[in-house]
């Protein structure tokens, strides 16, 4: 019985959701990289990076993730007049990209060497933290409130939310 519980616990650790979030790191030249799914805690790690400069230079490669965390990172990039480049940015990642005062594809050419093109993609937002057991009206109210926060954020970043 104890072995079964141990295997179940190990399986939950090995295959459960990531606790770490995206990789957020800095190279020797001060450029910041964000790679992977954006999760709670990533904004704190992003802000804590010592840059030695008030200006940020960020490269991002992400399928998206937590909306609120992405807006916090994007707001910090905007506050520090940062630039963001990407070749692959989807979903909540676009909120980070929107925060930049300068935006570009990472390769700065329309077609990459492997034949792919830089891609930034959006879709109708969904919220994984939506409480269960809500009525349709409660879900709509929750969605409307969250969407208003995203729209306000996009307006502050000078991006038309419509």
Protein backbone atom coordinates (compact mmCIF):
# COMPACT_ATOMS: atom_id res chain seq x y z
CA UNK A 1 0.00 0.00 0.00
CA UNK A 2 2.82 2.42 0.86
CA UNK A 3 4.53 1.67 -2.46
CA UNK A 4 1.33 2.50 -4.35
CA UNK A 5 1.02 5.84 -2.52
CA UNK A 6 4.67 6.63 -3.25
CA UNK A 7 4.23 5.84 -6.96
CA UNK A 8 1.08 7.97 -7.08
CA UNK A 9 2.92 10.88 -5.42
CA UNK A 10 5.88 10.55 -7.79
CA UNK A 11 3.52 10.46 -10.75
CA UNK A 12 1.85 13.65 -9.58
CA UNK A 13 5.23 15.36 -9.34
CA UNK A 14 6.46 14.05 -12.69
CA UNK A 15 3.28 14.65 -14.68
CA UNK A 16 1.47 17.34 -12.69
CA UNK A 17 1.42 21.02 -13.57
CA UNK A 18 4.69 22.91 -13.58
CA UNK A 19 5.48 24.72 -10.36
CA UNK A 20 8.36 26.59 -11.93
CA UNK A 21 6.67 28.39 -14.81
CA UNK A 22 8.57 29.89 -17.70
CA UNK A 23 12.34 30.09 -17.83
CA UNK A 24 13.20 33.70 -17.01
CA UNK A 25 16.90 34.41 -17.28
CA UNK A 26 19.51 36.91 -18.38
CA UNK A 27 22.56 36.46 -20.61
CA UNK A 28 25.99 38.01 -20.05
CA UNK A 29 25.04 41.08 -22.07
CA UNK A 30 21.99 41.89 -19.94
CA UNK A 31 19.38 40.68 -22.44
CA UNK A 32 16.42 39.00 -20.72
CA UNK A 33 14.82 35.81 -22.04
CA UNK A 34 11.39 34.41 -21.22
CA UNK A 35 10.71 30.93 -22.57
CA UNK A 36 7.82 28.59 -21.84
CA UNK A 37 4.38 28.79 -20.26
CA UNK A 38 3.79 31.96 -18.22
CA UNK A 39 2.68 31.12 -14.68
CA UNK A 40 2.20 32.77 -11.30
CA UNK A 41 5.58 33.83 -9.89
CA UNK A 42 7.17 34.59 -13.26
CA UNK A 43 6.56 38.34 -12.89
CA UNK A 44 8.37 38.38 -9.55
CA UNK A 45 11.36 36.55 -11.06
CA UNK A 46 11.32 38.91 -14.05
CA UNK A 47 11.32 42.07 -11.91
CA UNK A 48 14.06 40.66 -9.65
CA UNK A 49 16.58 40.31 -12.51
CA UNK A 50 19.40 42.85 -12.19
CA UNK A 51 19.76 44.62 -15.51
CA UNK A 52 22.17 47.43 -14.68
CA UNK A 53 20.11 49.62 -16.99
CA UNK A 54 16.71 51.26 -16.78
CA UNK A 55 16.05 50.04 -20.36
CA UNK A 56 15.01 46.42 -20.97
CA UNK A 57 15.83 44.24 -23.95
CA UNK A 58 13.63 41.11 -23.85
CA UNK A 59 13.28 38.06 -26.09
CA UNK A 60 10.19 35.94 -25.56
CA UNK A 61 9.11 32.52 -26.82
CA UNK A 62 5.88 31.37 -25.19
CA UNK A 63 2.63 29.54 -25.89
CA UNK A 64 0.94 31.83 -23.33
CA UNK A 65 -0.25 31.14 -19.82
CA UNK A 66 -1.49 33.25 -16.94
CA UNK A 67 -3.12 36.50 -18.11
CA UNK A 68 -2.50 38.53 -14.94
CA UNK A 69 1.18 37.54 -14.80
CA UNK A 70 1.63 38.44 -18.46
CA UNK A 71 0.11 41.88 -17.85
CA UNK A 72 2.42 42.46 -14.87
CA UNK A 73 5.49 41.59 -16.96
CA UNK A 74 4.25 43.73 -19.86
CA UNK A 75 3.61 46.69 -17.55
CA UNK A 76 7.14 46.42 -16.15
CA UNK A 77 8.57 46.32 -19.67
CA UNK A 78 6.58 49.45 -20.54
CA UNK A 79 7.62 51.20 -17.32
CA UNK A 80 11.26 50.57 -18.21
CA UNK A 81 10.78 51.52 -21.89
CA UNK A 82 11.71 48.03 -22.98
CA UNK A 83 11.94 46.39 -26.34
CA UNK A 84 10.62 42.87 -27.05
CA UNK A 85 11.49 40.54 -29.90
CA UNK A 86 9.87 37.19 -30.62
CA UNK A 87 9.55 34.47 -33.19
CA UNK A 88 6.78 32.64 -31.32
CA UNK A 89 4.28 34.38 -29.03
CA UNK A 90 0.72 33.18 -28.44
CA UNK A 91 -2.21 33.79 -26.14
CA UNK A 92 -1.23 35.61 -22.90
CA UNK A 93 2.30 36.10 -24.30
CA UNK A 94 0.82 38.76 -26.58
CA UNK A 95 0.10 40.84 -23.46
CA UNK A 96 3.83 40.89 -22.69
CA UNK A 97 4.61 41.74 -26.31
CA UNK A 98 2.08 44.61 -26.15
CA UNK A 99 3.95 46.15 -23.23
CA UNK A 100 7.05 46.89 -25.30
CA UNK A 101 7.74 50.34 -26.68
CA UNK A 102 9.50 48.60 -29.59
CA UNK A 103 8.33 45.24 -30.96
CA UNK A 104 10.02 43.04 -33.55
CA UNK A 105 10.47 39.51 -34.76
CA UNK A 106 13.53 37.94 -33.17
CA UNK A 107 15.20 37.25 -36.47
CA UNK A 108 14.32 40.67 -37.91
CA UNK A 109 13.64 38.98 -41.28
CA UNK A 110 10.26 37.81 -42.61
CA UNK A 111 11.31 34.17 -43.16
CA UNK A 112 13.49 32.24 -40.74
CA UNK A 113 16.28 29.90 -41.83
CA UNK A 114 14.12 26.83 -41.17
CA UNK A 115 11.45 28.19 -43.53
CA UNK A 116 9.04 29.27 -40.80
CA UNK A 117 7.88 32.81 -40.24
CA UNK A 118 7.73 34.73 -36.96
CA UNK A 119 4.32 34.19 -35.41
CA UNK A 120 2.25 36.15 -32.91
CA UNK A 121 -1.17 34.65 -32.27
CA UNK A 122 -4.27 35.61 -30.33
CA UNK A 123 -7.56 33.90 -29.56
CA UNK A 124 -10.63 34.50 -27.44
CA UNK A 125 -9.40 34.49 -23.87
CA UNK A 126 -10.27 31.85 -21.39
CA UNK A 127 -9.48 31.78 -17.70
CA UNK A 128 -8.27 28.55 -16.12
CA UNK A 129 -8.97 29.90 -12.64
CA UNK A 130 -12.72 30.18 -13.22
CA UNK A 131 -14.45 28.74 -10.13
CA UNK A 132 -16.51 25.60 -10.74
CA UNK A 133 -20.25 25.33 -10.22
CA UNK A 134 -21.16 28.79 -11.49
CA UNK A 135 -24.31 29.70 -13.40
CA UNK A 136 -24.05 30.96 -16.97
CA UNK A 137 -24.75 34.50 -15.74
CA UNK A 138 -22.00 34.26 -13.09
CA UNK A 139 -19.53 32.94 -15.66
CA UNK A 140 -20.43 35.76 -18.05
CA UNK A 141 -20.02 38.35 -15.29
CA UNK A 142 -16.61 36.90 -14.35
CA UNK A 143 -15.50 36.86 -17.99
CA UNK A 144 -16.70 40.45 -18.57
CA UNK A 145 -14.81 41.75 -15.52
CA UNK A 146 -11.58 40.01 -16.56
CA UNK A 147 -11.94 41.13 -20.18
CA UNK A 148 -12.40 44.75 -19.02
CA UNK A 149 -9.08 44.54 -17.13
CA UNK A 150 -7.35 43.23 -20.27
CA UNK A 151 -8.92 45.95 -22.43
CA UNK A 152 -7.81 48.65 -19.97
CA UNK A 153 -4.30 47.20 -19.99
CA UNK A 154 -4.17 47.16 -23.81
CA UNK A 155 -5.34 50.78 -23.97
CA UNK A 156 -2.57 51.79 -21.54
CA UNK A 157 -0.10 50.01 -23.84
CA UNK A 158 -1.47 51.94 -26.86
CA UNK A 159 -2.85 48.80 -28.47
CA UNK A 160 -6.42 48.89 -29.79
CA UNK A 161 -8.27 46.09 -27.95
CA UNK A 162 -10.97 45.80 -30.63
